[in-house]
Protein backbone atom coordinates (compact mmCIF):
# COMPACT_ATOMS: atom_id res chain seq x y z
CA MET A 1 92.26 114.27 105.86
CA SER A 2 89.30 115.13 108.10
CA ASP A 3 88.51 111.43 108.61
CA GLU A 4 92.13 110.96 109.64
CA LYS A 5 91.70 113.66 112.28
CA ALA A 6 88.58 111.89 113.54
CA THR A 7 90.45 108.57 113.77
CA GLU A 8 93.32 110.30 115.55
CA LEU A 9 90.95 111.80 118.13
CA LEU A 10 89.44 108.39 118.88
CA ASP A 11 92.96 107.05 119.46
CA VAL A 12 93.76 110.02 121.73
CA LEU A 13 90.68 109.30 123.84
CA ASP A 14 91.75 105.67 124.35
CA LEU A 15 93.78 106.26 127.53
CA GLU A 16 96.55 103.99 128.80
CA ARG A 17 96.03 102.67 132.33
CA ILE A 18 99.30 103.02 134.25
CA GLU A 19 98.09 102.22 137.76
CA ARG A 20 94.83 102.23 139.67
CA ASN A 21 93.43 105.79 139.34
CA LEU A 22 96.28 106.88 137.03
CA TYR A 23 96.02 107.15 133.23
CA ARG A 24 98.17 108.52 130.42
CA GLY A 25 96.85 110.27 127.33
CA GLN A 26 98.62 111.14 124.08
CA ASN A 27 97.93 114.34 122.15
CA GLU A 28 96.53 115.35 118.80
CA SER A 29 99.11 116.30 116.19
CA ARG A 30 98.91 120.09 116.14
CA GLN A 31 101.08 123.12 116.78
CA GLY A 32 100.98 125.43 119.78
CA ARG A 33 99.45 124.68 123.15
CA LEU A 34 97.09 121.79 123.81
CA PHE A 35 93.47 122.25 122.85
CA GLY A 36 91.43 122.53 126.04
CA GLY A 37 88.68 120.32 124.65
CA GLN A 38 91.12 117.43 124.32
CA VAL A 39 92.16 117.70 127.98
CA LEU A 40 88.53 118.06 129.04
CA ALA A 41 87.50 114.94 127.12
CA GLN A 42 90.46 112.87 128.35
CA ALA A 43 89.80 113.88 131.97
CA LEU A 44 86.20 112.74 131.57
CA ALA A 45 87.38 109.47 130.03
CA ALA A 46 89.75 108.83 132.96
CA ALA A 47 87.02 109.49 135.53
CA ASP A 48 84.50 107.36 133.64
CA LYS A 49 86.86 104.38 133.66
CA THR A 50 86.99 104.40 137.47
CA VAL A 51 83.19 104.67 137.73
CA ARG A 52 82.79 101.66 135.44
CA GLU A 53 85.05 99.65 137.76
CA GLU A 54 82.82 100.38 140.76
CA SER A 55 79.27 100.56 139.44
CA GLU A 56 76.87 98.48 137.38
CA PRO A 57 74.67 99.24 135.53
CA LEU A 58 76.09 102.21 133.64
CA ARG A 59 76.20 105.59 135.37
CA PRO A 60 76.58 108.30 132.70
CA CYS A 61 78.19 111.62 133.57
CA HIS A 62 75.60 114.32 134.20
CA SER A 63 77.88 117.27 135.03
CA LEU A 64 81.51 118.35 135.09
CA HIS A 65 83.28 121.50 136.22
CA GLY A 66 86.89 122.16 135.25
CA TYR A 67 89.59 124.82 135.60
CA PHE A 68 92.38 125.42 133.10
CA LEU A 69 95.46 126.13 135.24
CA ARG A 70 98.43 126.23 132.85
CA PRO A 71 98.92 125.98 129.08
CA GLY A 72 99.44 122.36 128.04
CA ARG A 73 102.31 121.26 125.78
CA HIS A 74 101.53 119.18 122.70
CA ASP A 75 104.95 117.44 122.82
CA LEU A 76 104.37 115.81 126.22
CA PRO A 77 101.78 113.17 127.19
CA VAL A 78 99.26 114.09 129.89
CA LEU A 79 98.86 112.11 133.11
CA TYR A 80 95.37 111.98 134.65
CA LYS A 81 95.13 111.28 138.37
CA VAL A 82 91.62 110.36 139.54
CA GLU A 83 90.40 110.63 143.13
CA ARG A 84 87.36 108.50 143.95
CA ILE A 85 85.47 110.95 146.13
CA ARG A 86 82.27 108.94 146.59
CA ASP A 87 80.25 106.04 145.24
CA GLY A 88 76.67 106.16 146.51
CA ARG A 89 73.60 104.18 145.55
CA SER A 90 72.73 106.63 142.73
CA PHE A 91 75.67 109.02 142.31
CA SER A 92 79.43 108.73 141.90
CA THR A 93 81.79 111.70 142.24
CA ARG A 94 85.33 111.99 140.92
CA ARG A 95 88.08 114.61 141.12
CA ILE A 96 90.64 114.63 138.29
CA VAL A 97 93.97 116.43 137.93
CA ALA A 98 95.81 116.57 134.58
CA ILE A 99 99.59 116.73 134.97
CA GLN A 100 102.48 117.58 132.65
CA ASN A 101 106.12 117.85 133.71
CA GLY A 102 105.13 117.46 137.38
CA GLU A 103 102.66 120.37 137.35
CA ALA A 104 98.87 120.50 137.24
CA ILE A 105 97.59 122.00 134.00
CA PHE A 106 93.88 121.26 134.57
CA SER A 107 91.57 120.13 137.38
CA MET A 108 88.00 118.88 137.19
CA ASP A 109 85.18 117.50 139.31
CA ALA A 110 82.68 115.21 137.60
CA SER A 111 79.45 113.60 138.81
CA PHE A 112 77.84 110.43 137.45
CA GLN A 113 74.28 109.23 138.04
CA LEU A 114 72.37 106.01 137.62
CA GLU A 115 69.66 106.80 135.05
CA GLU A 116 66.29 107.49 136.66
CA ALA A 117 62.81 108.49 135.45
CA GLY A 118 61.45 111.90 136.47
CA LEU A 119 59.73 115.14 135.49
CA HIS A 120 60.71 116.78 132.22
CA HIS A 121 60.70 120.21 130.60
CA GLN A 122 63.09 122.17 128.36
CA ASP A 123 63.57 125.33 126.32
CA GLU A 124 62.42 125.10 122.73
CA MET A 125 65.06 124.92 120.02
CA PRO A 126 65.21 128.20 118.06
CA ALA A 127 64.25 128.11 114.39
CA TYR A 128 67.44 127.90 112.34
CA PRO A 129 68.16 126.39 108.91
CA ASP A 130 68.64 122.63 108.78
CA PRO A 131 72.26 121.46 108.32
CA ASP A 132 71.36 120.05 104.89
CA GLU A 133 70.68 123.63 103.79
CA LEU A 134 74.14 124.85 104.86
CA GLU A 135 77.67 124.48 103.52
CA ASP A 136 80.60 122.98 105.42
CA ASP A 137 82.75 125.70 106.99
CA LEU A 138 85.95 124.13 105.70
CA ASP A 139 84.64 124.28 102.11
CA VAL A 140 83.66 127.92 102.61
CA ALA A 141 87.05 128.79 104.06
CA GLN A 142 88.98 127.03 101.30
CA ARG A 143 86.93 128.78 98.63
CA ARG A 144 87.25 132.24 100.11
CA GLY A 145 90.80 132.02 101.46
CA GLU A 146 92.22 133.06 104.81
CA THR A 147 91.92 136.80 104.11
CA LYS A 148 88.13 136.47 103.77
CA VAL A 149 87.42 134.44 106.91
CA ALA A 150 87.95 134.92 110.60
CA SER A 151 91.33 133.16 110.90
CA GLY A 152 93.61 130.46 109.58
CA TRP A 153 91.93 128.07 112.05
CA SER A 154 89.00 127.90 109.65
CA LEU A 155 91.25 126.30 107.03
CA ARG A 156 92.39 123.38 109.22
CA SER A 157 90.98 119.88 108.95
CA ARG A 158 89.07 118.94 112.08
CA PRO A 159 87.46 115.78 113.52
CA PHE A 160 84.02 117.43 113.48
CA GLU A 161 82.08 118.81 110.56
CA HIS A 162 81.03 122.44 111.09
CA ARG A 163 78.17 124.17 109.31
CA SER A 164 77.68 127.71 110.56
CA VAL A 165 74.17 129.15 110.43
CA TYR A 166 75.81 132.53 109.74
CA PRO A 167 78.42 131.61 107.09
CA ILE A 168 81.98 132.53 108.03
CA GLY A 169 83.37 135.58 106.27
CA GLU A 170 79.97 137.16 105.73
CA GLU A 171 78.57 140.29 107.33
CA VAL A 172 77.88 139.93 111.07
CA ARG A 173 74.23 139.04 111.69
CA ASP A 174 74.24 138.63 115.48
CA ASP A 175 76.61 140.40 117.86
CA PHE A 176 76.00 138.03 120.76
CA ARG A 177 75.16 134.60 119.33
CA ASN A 178 76.81 132.08 117.00
CA PRO A 179 74.71 128.99 116.13
CA ILE A 180 76.53 126.15 114.36
CA TRP A 181 75.71 122.56 113.41
CA ILE A 182 78.40 120.01 114.31
CA ARG A 183 78.80 116.28 113.62
CA PHE A 184 81.66 113.83 114.25
CA ARG A 185 83.14 112.76 110.93
CA LYS A 186 83.16 108.99 111.53
CA GLN A 187 80.42 106.56 112.43
CA LEU A 188 80.64 105.57 116.09
CA PRO A 189 79.79 102.43 118.07
CA ASP A 190 76.83 102.42 120.43
CA ASN A 191 78.90 103.51 123.42
CA PRO A 192 77.20 106.36 125.36
CA SER A 193 80.40 107.23 127.23
CA LEU A 194 82.36 107.76 124.01
CA HIS A 195 79.66 110.10 122.69
CA GLN A 196 79.95 112.10 125.93
CA TYR A 197 83.74 112.35 125.60
CA LEU A 198 83.35 113.70 122.08
CA LEU A 199 80.72 116.26 123.05
CA ALA A 200 82.99 117.43 125.87
CA TYR A 201 85.73 117.91 123.27
CA ALA A 202 83.36 119.75 120.91
CA SER A 203 82.00 122.00 123.67
CA ASP A 204 85.33 123.88 123.74
CA MET A 205 85.50 124.45 119.97
CA GLY A 206 85.37 128.20 119.38
CA PHE A 207 83.70 128.73 122.75
CA VAL A 208 86.05 131.22 124.41
CA SER A 209 86.18 133.43 121.30
CA THR A 210 82.38 133.90 121.48
CA SER A 211 83.10 136.81 123.84
CA MET A 212 84.66 138.64 120.90
CA LEU A 213 81.40 138.75 118.90
CA PRO A 214 80.29 142.20 120.16
CA HIS A 215 83.80 143.61 119.60
CA ARG A 216 84.78 142.24 116.19
CA GLU A 217 84.46 145.62 114.47
CA SER A 218 86.33 147.62 117.12
CA VAL A 219 89.26 145.42 118.24
CA GLY A 220 91.40 143.15 116.08
CA ARG A 221 91.69 139.53 117.22
CA ASP A 222 95.49 139.87 117.12
CA ARG A 223 95.26 142.44 119.94
CA ILE A 224 93.46 140.07 122.31
CA GLN A 225 95.16 137.63 124.66
CA MET A 226 92.53 134.90 125.03
CA ALA A 227 92.47 131.65 126.99
CA SER A 228 89.87 129.46 128.69
CA LEU A 229 89.76 129.84 132.47
CA ASP A 230 87.01 127.42 133.49
CA HIS A 231 84.45 125.19 131.81
CA ALA A 232 81.23 123.54 132.98
CA LEU A 233 79.12 121.04 131.07
CA TRP A 234 75.82 119.34 131.88
CA PHE A 235 74.47 116.31 130.02
CA HIS A 236 70.65 116.27 130.03
CA GLN A 237 69.69 113.54 127.53
CA SER A 238 71.30 110.72 125.55
CA PHE A 239 72.52 111.65 122.06
CA LYS A 240 74.69 110.60 119.12
CA ALA A 241 77.83 112.63 118.43
CA ASP A 242 77.94 111.24 114.89
CA ASP A 243 74.57 112.81 114.08
CA TRP A 244 73.95 116.54 113.63
CA ILE A 245 73.88 118.63 116.81
CA LEU A 246 73.00 122.33 116.90
CA TYR A 247 75.50 124.16 119.15
CA ILE A 248 74.27 127.66 120.04
CA LYS A 249 77.12 129.69 121.54
CA GLU A 250 76.32 133.09 123.04
CA THR A 251 77.98 135.70 125.22
CA THR A 252 76.14 137.64 127.91
CA THR A 253 78.84 139.82 129.45
CA ALA A 254 82.51 140.80 129.46
CA ALA A 255 84.29 142.71 132.25
CA HIS A 256 87.65 142.92 134.01
CA ALA A 257 89.50 141.23 131.13
CA ARG A 258 87.15 138.22 131.27
CA GLY A 259 84.38 137.13 128.92
CA TYR A 260 81.47 134.88 129.90
CA ASN A 261 79.80 132.49 127.44
CA ARG A 262 77.07 129.88 127.51
CA GLY A 263 76.11 127.14 125.10
CA LEU A 264 73.09 124.97 124.33
CA PHE A 265 73.15 121.69 122.40
CA PHE A 266 70.06 120.42 120.53
CA ASP A 267 69.66 117.31 118.39
CA ARG A 268 67.83 117.49 115.06
CA GLU A 269 64.51 116.60 116.73
CA GLY A 270 64.79 119.64 118.99
CA LYS A 271 65.76 117.77 122.15
CA LEU A 272 68.00 119.79 124.50
CA ILE A 273 70.82 117.32 125.16
CA ALA A 274 73.45 119.41 126.98
CA SER A 275 74.37 122.87 128.28
CA ALA A 276 77.74 124.53 128.80
CA LEU A 277 79.18 127.59 130.55
CA GLN A 278 82.67 129.04 130.25
CA GLU A 279 84.63 132.09 131.35
CA GLY A 280 87.76 133.08 129.48
CA LEU A 281 90.61 135.54 129.70
CA MET A 282 90.00 138.43 127.32
CA ARG A 283 92.92 140.84 127.79
CA VAL A 284 93.51 143.69 125.34
CA ARG A 285 97.19 144.09 124.48
CA GLU A 286 98.55 147.62 124.34
């Protein structure tokens, strides 16, 4: 079933070109509102297609900044309108609006750069257990049952494997940080853009709820109205989404019914491949 979800996601990321600068995307089969990571990844795919039309050799995306404006509906396709802001000698800039039923549900700016050599430094990857030493979260959730894990979401089949460093359902070990190994469930072609789309999708998995880590013992999740407000992602190095990636999600502050989170992505060799930031609505219901 999980491989089927991976195949479905690849189909969803294969956008239909309707007109120059206009693309249509279908949705994953799921209940409730659209997953923000899907819209994020499709918006990146739409922008990338227009960059490929204008520029050779390849200009990978190096940063994107998006705002979630309205909840998306899973029963309607999403239209992606791309504005070609600039194509320079080294950089290309795009502005993307995702539309459903005539209204914008998401907007994003993305920048692409011709690969260049330059100076290099990075933070060291923290010492955590290797993914081979950990159990798949879905197996843990199925064994323990919904009452023993964070939510029914843990029991759903997903296109990515998840292996939490702090096993789900166990006693809290860190009130501000949640490290997890992720890997796409199917082998992928050597297409750097596709790997970026998939990491954009994965960057929104469980990200907004990271703000709840310091409050898990004091406020029930069913009392919190939570939704992503904005999302930023930077790609630092090339990577493979079908190999293990350590995603360290952490929260630094919450105030005024908003929680702020940041994420770091490392490959198994310790290379820092991407960074993410997100602010989310975090409203306590009376």
